Amino acid sequence: MTICERTKDDIYNIIGQNIKRYRKLNNMTQRELAYKAAVSENLIAKLESKTHQTISIDTLDIIASALDIDITLLLEKE
């Protein structure tokens, strides 16, 4: 695995962990978040798992809005 690939995977894992954290802080299920963001529950599940899943900035912004947070919070490493 190259450094670029590792960095890309790390970013997607950070995003997924943050989606899960803020979803739970909002007492939402994956289904509820998916409904509110108008995306599939499968997408939310894949983003939150260790499965590499790409996501567009637009979709990430919609998910952040559904979580009532700024998109930048989804990119922050703990």
PDB file of N, CA and C in Angstrom:
ATOM      1  N   MET A   1       0.851  -1.183   0.000  1.00  0.00           N
ATOM      2  CA  MET A   1       0.000   0.000   0.000  1.00  0.00           C
ATOM      3  C   MET A   1       0.893   1.240   0.000  1.00  0.00           C
ATOM      4  N   THR A   2       0.616   2.169  -0.900  1.00  0.00           N
ATOM      5  CA  THR A   2       1.412   3.384  -0.972  1.00  0.00           C
ATOM      6  C   THR A   2       0.981   4.364   0.106  1.00  0.00           C
ATOM      7  N   ILE A   3       1.793   5.378   0.315  1.00  0.00           N
ATOM      8  CA  ILE A   3       1.461   6.405   1.304  1.00  0.00           C
ATOM      9  C   ILE A   3       0.164   7.106   0.915  1.00  0.00           C
ATOM     10  N   CYS A   4      -0.020   7.389  -0.366  1.00  0.00           N
ATOM     11  CA  CYS A   4      -1.247   8.058  -0.817  1.00  0.00           C
ATOM     12  C   CYS A   4      -2.472   7.196  -0.544  1.00  0.00           C
ATOM     13  N   GLU A   5      -2.392   5.899  -0.810  1.00  0.00           N
ATOM     14  CA  GLU A   5      -3.517   5.004  -0.571  1.00  0.00           C
ATOM     15  C   GLU A   5      -3.824   4.918   0.924  1.00  0.00           C
ATOM     16  N   ARG A   6      -2.789   4.852   1.738  1.00  0.00           N
ATOM     17  CA  ARG A   6      -2.975   4.774   3.177  1.00  0.00           C
ATOM     18  C   ARG A   6      -3.643   6.048   3.684  1.00  0.00           C
ATOM     19  N   THR A   7      -3.200   7.185   3.196  1.00  0.00           N
ATOM     20  CA  THR A   7      -3.776   8.451   3.606  1.00  0.00           C
ATOM     21  C   THR A   7      -5.240   8.533   3.199  1.00  0.00           C
ATOM     22  N   LYS A   8      -5.547   8.088   1.992  1.00  0.00           N
ATOM     23  CA  LYS A   8      -6.927   8.108   1.510  1.00  0.00           C
ATOM     24  C   LYS A   8      -7.797   7.207   2.392  1.00  0.00           C
ATOM     25  N   ASP A   9      -7.323   6.005   2.688  1.00  0.00           N
ATOM     26  CA  ASP A   9      -8.068   5.091   3.558  1.00  0.00           C
ATOM     27  C   ASP A   9      -8.257   5.693   4.942  1.00  0.00           C
ATOM     28  N   ASP A  10      -7.202   6.326   5.463  1.00  0.00           N
ATOM     29  CA  ASP A  10      -7.300   6.956   6.778  1.00  0.00           C
ATOM     30  C   ASP A  10      -8.374   8.038   6.790  1.00  0.00           C
ATOM     31  N   ILE A  11      -8.434   8.834   5.751  1.00  0.00           N
ATOM     32  CA  ILE A  11      -9.427   9.910   5.675  1.00  0.00           C
ATOM     33  C   ILE A  11     -10.838   9.327   5.680  1.00  0.00           C
ATOM     34  N   TYR A  12     -11.072   8.287   4.872  1.00  0.00           N
ATOM     35  CA  TYR A  12     -12.405   7.674   4.832  1.00  0.00           C
ATOM     36  C   TYR A  12     -12.760   7.037   6.171  1.00  0.00           C
ATOM     37  N   ASN A  13     -11.767   6.450   6.854  1.00  0.00           N
ATOM     38  CA  ASN A  13     -12.033   5.870   8.171  1.00  0.00           C
ATOM     39  C   ASN A  13     -12.371   6.948   9.191  1.00  0.00           C
ATOM     40  N   ILE A  14     -11.670   8.080   9.138  1.00  0.00           N
ATOM     41  CA  ILE A  14     -11.961   9.194  10.043  1.00  0.00           C
ATOM     42  C   ILE A  14     -13.370   9.712   9.790  1.00  0.00           C
ATOM     43  N   ILE A  15     -13.723   9.900   8.532  1.00  0.00           N
ATOM     44  CA  ILE A  15     -15.066  10.372   8.185  1.00  0.00           C
ATOM     45  C   ILE A  15     -16.112   9.396   8.720  1.00  0.00           C
ATOM     46  N   GLY A  16     -15.902   8.105   8.483  1.00  0.00           N
ATOM     47  CA  GLY A  16     -16.859   7.100   8.948  1.00  0.00           C
ATOM     48  C   GLY A  16     -17.010   7.080  10.452  1.00  0.00           C
ATOM     49  N   GLN A  17     -15.887   7.167  11.169  1.00  0.00           N
ATOM     50  CA  GLN A  17     -15.943   7.190  12.627  1.00  0.00           C
ATOM     51  C   GLN A  17     -16.688   8.419  13.130  1.00  0.00           C
ATOM     52  N   ASN A  18     -16.451   9.558  12.474  1.00  0.00           N
ATOM     53  CA  ASN A  18     -17.124  10.792  12.890  1.00  0.00           C
ATOM     54  C   ASN A  18     -18.614  10.768  12.585  1.00  0.00           C
ATOM     55  N   ILE A  19     -18.991  10.209  11.450  1.00  0.00           N
ATOM     56  CA  ILE A  19     -20.419  10.080  11.144  1.00  0.00           C
ATOM     57  C   ILE A  19     -21.085   9.252  12.233  1.00  0.00           C
ATOM     58  N   LYS A  20     -20.468   8.136  12.569  1.00  0.00           N
ATOM     59  CA  LYS A  20     -21.033   7.255  13.599  1.00  0.00           C
ATOM     60  C   LYS A  20     -21.113   7.966  14.949  1.00  0.00           C
ATOM     61  N   ARG A  21     -20.042   8.677  15.313  1.00  0.00           N
ATOM     62  CA  ARG A  21     -20.018   9.373  16.609  1.00  0.00           C
ATOM     63  C   ARG A  21     -21.120  10.428  16.699  1.00  0.00           C
ATOM     64  N   TYR A  22     -21.231  11.277  15.682  1.00  0.00           N
ATOM     65  CA  TYR A  22     -22.237  12.335  15.722  1.00  0.00           C
ATOM     66  C   TYR A  22     -23.655  11.778  15.565  1.00  0.00           C
ATOM     67  N   ARG A  23     -23.787  10.686  14.825  1.00  0.00           N
ATOM     68  CA  ARG A  23     -25.109  10.037  14.714  1.00  0.00           C
ATOM     69  C   ARG A  23     -25.552   9.553  16.087  1.00  0.00           C
ATOM     70  N   LYS A  24     -24.648   8.906  16.813  1.00  0.00           N
ATOM     71  CA  LYS A  24     -24.990   8.398  18.140  1.00  0.00           C
ATOM     72  C   LYS A  24     -25.233   9.538  19.132  1.00  0.00           C
ATOM     73  N   LEU A  25     -24.458  10.626  19.013  1.00  0.00           N
ATOM     74  CA  LEU A  25     -24.688  11.786  19.877  1.00  0.00           C
ATOM     75  C   LEU A  25     -26.067  12.388  19.650  1.00  0.00           C
ATOM     76  N   ASN A  26     -26.579  12.230  18.429  1.00  0.00           N
ATOM     77  CA  ASN A  26     -27.916  12.713  18.088  1.00  0.00           C
ATOM     78  C   ASN A  26     -28.992  11.653  18.325  1.00  0.00           C
ATOM     79  N   ASN A  27     -28.584  10.525  18.939  1.00  0.00           N
ATOM     80  CA  ASN A  27     -29.517   9.424  19.216  1.00  0.00           C
ATOM     81  C   ASN A  27     -30.282   8.989  17.967  1.00  0.00           C
ATOM     82  N   MET A  28     -29.549   8.843  16.868  1.00  0.00           N
ATOM     83  CA  MET A  28     -30.154   8.436  15.606  1.00  0.00           C
ATOM     84  C   MET A  28     -29.652   7.047  15.222  1.00  0.00           C
ATOM     85  N   THR A  29     -30.511   6.293  14.591  1.00  0.00           N
ATOM     86  CA  THR A  29     -30.098   5.028  13.994  1.00  0.00           C
ATOM     87  C   THR A  29     -29.539   5.325  12.608  1.00  0.00           C
ATOM     88  N   GLN A  30     -28.880   4.325  12.024  1.00  0.00           N
ATOM     89  CA  GLN A  30     -28.413   4.500  10.649  1.00  0.00           C
ATOM     90  C   GLN A  30     -29.585   4.754   9.719  1.00  0.00           C
ATOM     91  N   ARG A  31     -30.672   4.072   9.960  1.00  0.00           N
ATOM     92  CA  ARG A  31     -31.864   4.248   9.127  1.00  0.00           C
ATOM     93  C   ARG A  31     -32.396   5.686   9.230  1.00  0.00           C
ATOM     94  N   GLU A  32     -32.448   6.215  10.448  1.00  0.00           N
ATOM     95  CA  GLU A  32     -32.954   7.582  10.636  1.00  0.00           C
ATOM     96  C   GLU A  32     -32.057   8.602   9.952  1.00  0.00           C
ATOM     97  N   LEU A  33     -30.742   8.425  10.083  1.00  0.00           N
ATOM     98  CA  LEU A  33     -29.821   9.346   9.424  1.00  0.00           C
ATOM     99  C   LEU A  33     -29.953   9.246   7.906  1.00  0.00           C
ATOM    100  N   ALA A  34     -30.029   8.036   7.406  1.00  0.00           N
ATOM    101  CA  ALA A  34     -30.179   7.838   5.964  1.00  0.00           C
ATOM    102  C   ALA A  34     -31.444   8.519   5.450  1.00  0.00           C
ATOM    103  N   TYR A  35     -32.539   8.369   6.179  1.00  0.00           N
ATOM    104  CA  TYR A  35     -33.804   8.985   5.779  1.00  0.00           C
ATOM    105  C   TYR A  35     -33.679  10.512   5.778  1.00  0.00           C
ATOM    106  N   LYS A  36     -33.121  11.052   6.858  1.00  0.00           N
ATOM    107  CA  LYS A  36     -32.994  12.507   6.985  1.00  0.00           C
ATOM    108  C   LYS A  36     -32.064  13.087   5.922  1.00  0.00           C
ATOM    109  N   ALA A  37     -31.030  12.317   5.542  1.00  0.00           N
ATOM    110  CA  ALA A  37     -30.072  12.793   4.541  1.00  0.00           C
ATOM    111  C   ALA A  37     -30.468  12.395   3.120  1.00  0.00           C
ATOM    112  N   ALA A  38     -31.531  11.617   2.985  1.00  0.00           N
ATOM    113  CA  ALA A  38     -32.005  11.145   1.678  1.00  0.00           C
ATOM    114  C   ALA A  38     -30.927  10.340   0.946  1.00  0.00           C
ATOM    115  N   VAL A  39     -30.260   9.460   1.707  1.00  0.00           N
ATOM    116  CA  VAL A  39     -29.288   8.529   1.141  1.00  0.00           C
ATOM    117  C   VAL A  39     -29.689   7.133   1.599  1.00  0.00           C
ATOM    118  N   SER A  40     -29.047   6.120   1.067  1.00  0.00           N
ATOM    119  CA  SER A  40     -29.404   4.762   1.457  1.00  0.00           C
ATOM    120  C   SER A  40     -28.810   4.413   2.825  1.00  0.00           C
ATOM    121  N   GLU A  41     -29.519   3.559   3.527  1.00  0.00           N
ATOM    122  CA  GLU A  41     -29.019   3.059   4.804  1.00  0.00           C
ATOM    123  C   GLU A  41     -27.728   2.281   4.572  1.00  0.00           C
ATOM    124  N   ASN A  42     -27.643   1.604   3.441  1.00  0.00           N
ATOM    125  CA  ASN A  42     -26.452   0.854   3.074  1.00  0.00           C
ATOM    126  C   ASN A  42     -25.231   1.775   2.962  1.00  0.00           C
ATOM    127  N   LEU A  43     -25.411   2.967   2.418  1.00  0.00           N
ATOM    128  CA  LEU A  43     -24.306   3.921   2.310  1.00  0.00           C
ATOM    129  C   LEU A  43     -23.811   4.308   3.699  1.00  0.00           C
ATOM    130  N   ILE A  44     -24.728   4.627   4.594  1.00  0.00           N
ATOM    131  CA  ILE A  44     -24.345   5.003   5.960  1.00  0.00           C
ATOM    132  C   ILE A  44     -23.588   3.857   6.622  1.00  0.00           C
ATOM    133  N   ALA A  45     -24.093   2.643   6.477  1.00  0.00           N
ATOM    134  CA  ALA A  45     -23.449   1.476   7.076  1.00  0.00           C
ATOM    135  C   ALA A  45     -22.033   1.293   6.521  1.00  0.00           C
ATOM    136  N   LYS A  46     -21.870   1.435   5.222  1.00  0.00           N
ATOM    137  CA  LYS A  46     -20.550   1.270   4.607  1.00  0.00           C
ATOM    138  C   LYS A  46     -19.595   2.374   5.037  1.00  0.00           C
ATOM    139  N   LEU A  47     -20.095   3.603   5.125  1.00  0.00           N
ATOM    140  CA  LEU A  47     -19.240   4.710   5.552  1.00  0.00           C
ATOM    141  C   LEU A  47     -18.747   4.504   6.973  1.00  0.00           C
ATOM    142  N   GLU A  48     -19.605   3.978   7.828  1.00  0.00           N
ATOM    143  CA  GLU A  48     -19.253   3.786   9.233  1.00  0.00           C
ATOM    144  C   GLU A  48     -18.384   2.557   9.463  1.00  0.00           C
ATOM    145  N   SER A  49     -18.344   1.657   8.512  1.00  0.00           N
ATOM    146  CA  SER A  49     -17.541   0.442   8.669  1.00  0.00           C
ATOM    147  C   SER A  49     -16.124   0.695   8.167  1.00  0.00           C
ATOM    148  N   LYS A  50     -15.297  -0.309   8.296  1.00  0.00           N
ATOM    149  CA  LYS A  50     -13.927  -0.202   7.799  1.00  0.00           C
ATOM    150  C   LYS A  50     -13.857  -0.425   6.293  1.00  0.00           C
ATOM    151  N   THR A  51     -15.005  -0.707   5.672  1.00  0.00           N
ATOM    152  CA  THR A  51     -15.058  -0.894   4.228  1.00  0.00           C
ATOM    153  C   THR A  51     -14.730   0.435   3.556  1.00  0.00           C
ATOM    154  N   HIS A  52     -13.815   0.399   2.611  1.00  0.00           N
ATOM    155  CA  HIS A  52     -13.466   1.630   1.889  1.00  0.00           C
ATOM    156  C   HIS A  52     -14.657   2.062   1.043  1.00  0.00           C
ATOM    157  N   GLN A  53     -15.177   3.220   1.319  1.00  0.00           N
ATOM    158  CA  GLN A  53     -16.333   3.744   0.591  1.00  0.00           C
ATOM    159  C   GLN A  53     -16.062   5.203   0.267  1.00  0.00           C
ATOM    160  N   THR A  54     -16.090   5.538  -1.006  1.00  0.00           N
ATOM    161  CA  THR A  54     -15.888   6.938  -1.379  1.00  0.00           C
ATOM    162  C   THR A  54     -17.186   7.709  -1.161  1.00  0.00           C
ATOM    163  N   ILE A  55     -17.042   9.007  -1.027  1.00  0.00           N
ATOM    164  CA  ILE A  55     -18.205   9.861  -0.824  1.00  0.00           C
ATOM    165  C   ILE A  55     -17.907  11.225  -1.428  1.00  0.00           C
ATOM    166  N   SER A  56     -18.887  11.810  -2.067  1.00  0.00           N
ATOM    167  CA  SER A  56     -18.697  13.137  -2.645  1.00  0.00           C
ATOM    168  C   SER A  56     -18.811  14.194  -1.544  1.00  0.00           C
ATOM    169  N   ILE A  57     -18.231  15.331  -1.799  1.00  0.00           N
ATOM    170  CA  ILE A  57     -18.320  16.444  -0.854  1.00  0.00           C
ATOM    171  C   ILE A  57     -19.772  16.865  -0.685  1.00  0.00           C
ATOM    172  N   ASP A  58     -20.538  16.853  -1.760  1.00  0.00           N
ATOM    173  CA  ASP A  58     -21.958  17.225  -1.682  1.00  0.00           C
ATOM    174  C   ASP A  58     -22.718  16.294  -0.742  1.00  0.00           C
ATOM    175  N   THR A  59     -22.499  14.984  -0.885  1.00  0.00           N
ATOM    176  CA  THR A  59     -23.181  14.015  -0.025  1.00  0.00           C
ATOM    177  C   THR A  59     -22.707  14.151   1.414  1.00  0.00           C
ATOM    178  N   LEU A  60     -21.426  14.374   1.596  1.00  0.00           N
ATOM    179  CA  LEU A  60     -20.891  14.572   2.938  1.00  0.00           C
ATOM    180  C   LEU A  60     -21.523  15.797   3.594  1.00  0.00           C
ATOM    181  N   ASP A  61     -21.707  16.844   2.820  1.00  0.00           N
ATOM    182  CA  ASP A  61     -22.345  18.063   3.334  1.00  0.00           C
ATOM    183  C   ASP A  61     -23.804  17.803   3.709  1.00  0.00           C
ATOM    184  N   ILE A  62     -24.506  17.008   2.918  1.00  0.00           N
ATOM    185  CA  ILE A  62     -25.897  16.662   3.220  1.00  0.00           C
ATOM    186  C   ILE A  62     -25.975  15.854   4.512  1.00  0.00           C
ATOM    187  N   ILE A  63     -25.051  14.906   4.685  1.00  0.00           N
ATOM    188  CA  ILE A  63     -25.029  14.101   5.905  1.00  0.00           C
ATOM    189  C   ILE A  63     -24.715  14.989   7.106  1.00  0.00           C
ATOM    190  N   ALA A  64     -23.754  15.896   6.962  1.00  0.00           N
ATOM    191  CA  ALA A  64     -23.428  16.821   8.047  1.00  0.00           C
ATOM    192  C   ALA A  64     -24.649  17.665   8.413  1.00  0.00           C
ATOM    193  N   SER A  65     -25.362  18.142   7.422  1.00  0.00           N
ATOM    194  CA  SER A  65     -26.577  18.925   7.682  1.00  0.00           C
ATOM    195  C   SER A  65     -27.627  18.098   8.405  1.00  0.00           C
ATOM    196  N   ALA A  66     -27.768  16.836   8.011  1.00  0.00           N
ATOM    197  CA  ALA A  66     -28.733  15.951   8.668  1.00  0.00           C
ATOM    198  C   ALA A  66     -28.344  15.706  10.130  1.00  0.00           C
ATOM    199  N   LEU A  67     -27.052  15.789  10.408  1.00  0.00           N
ATOM    200  CA  LEU A  67     -26.558  15.624  11.778  1.00  0.00           C
ATOM    201  C   LEU A  67     -26.522  16.950  12.541  1.00  0.00           C
ATOM    202  N   ASP A  68     -26.882  18.036  11.860  1.00  0.00           N
ATOM    203  CA  ASP A  68     -26.861  19.387  12.436  1.00  0.00           C
ATOM    204  C   ASP A  68     -25.465  19.794  12.900  1.00  0.00           C
ATOM    205  N   ILE A  69     -24.465  19.471  12.071  1.00  0.00           N
ATOM    206  CA  ILE A  69     -23.086  19.853  12.370  1.00  0.00           C
ATOM    207  C   ILE A  69     -22.445  20.449  11.133  1.00  0.00           C
ATOM    208  N   ASP A  70     -21.332  21.137  11.347  1.00  0.00           N
ATOM    209  CA  ASP A  70     -20.553  21.668  10.233  1.00  0.00           C
ATOM    210  C   ASP A  70     -19.767  20.525   9.594  1.00  0.00           C
ATOM    211  N   ILE A  71     -19.669  20.535   8.307  1.00  0.00           N
ATOM    212  CA  ILE A  71     -18.988  19.474   7.562  1.00  0.00           C
ATOM    213  C   ILE A  71     -17.551  19.267   8.050  1.00  0.00           C
ATOM    214  N   THR A  72     -16.896  20.324   8.493  1.00  0.00           N
ATOM    215  CA  THR A  72     -15.499  20.205   8.927  1.00  0.00           C
ATOM    216  C   THR A  72     -15.347  19.258  10.123  1.00  0.00           C
ATOM    217  N   LEU A  73     -16.386  19.110  10.927  1.00  0.00           N
ATOM    218  CA  LEU A  73     -16.315  18.201  12.073  1.00  0.00           C
ATOM    219  C   LEU A  73     -16.179  16.749  11.633  1.00  0.00           C
ATOM    220  N   LEU A  74     -16.658  16.424  10.439  1.00  0.00           N
ATOM    221  CA  LEU A  74     -16.556  15.053   9.939  1.00  0.00           C
ATOM    222  C   LEU A  74     -15.146  14.728   9.453  1.00  0.00           C
ATOM    223  N   LEU A  75     -14.320  15.745   9.283  1.00  0.00           N
ATOM    224  CA  LEU A  75     -12.976  15.539   8.783  1.00  0.00           C
ATOM    225  C   LEU A  75     -11.914  15.575   9.882  1.00  0.00           C
ATOM    226  N   GLU A  76     -12.322  15.919  11.105  1.00  0.00           N
ATOM    227  CA  GLU A  76     -11.369  16.063  12.200  1.00  0.00           C
ATOM    228  C   GLU A  76     -10.953  14.714  12.767  1.00  0.00           C
ATOM    229  N   LYS A  77      -9.645  14.575  12.943  1.00  0.00           N
ATOM    230  CA  LYS A  77      -9.106  13.368  13.559  1.00  0.00           C
ATOM    231  C   LYS A  77      -9.147  13.574  15.080  1.00  0.00           C
ATOM    232  N   GLU A  78      -9.617  12.550  15.787  1.00  0.00           N
ATOM    233  CA  GLU A  78      -9.705  12.682  17.250  1.00  0.00           C
ATOM    234  C   GLU A  78      -8.349  12.828  17.871  1.00  0.00           C
TER     235      GLU A  78
END
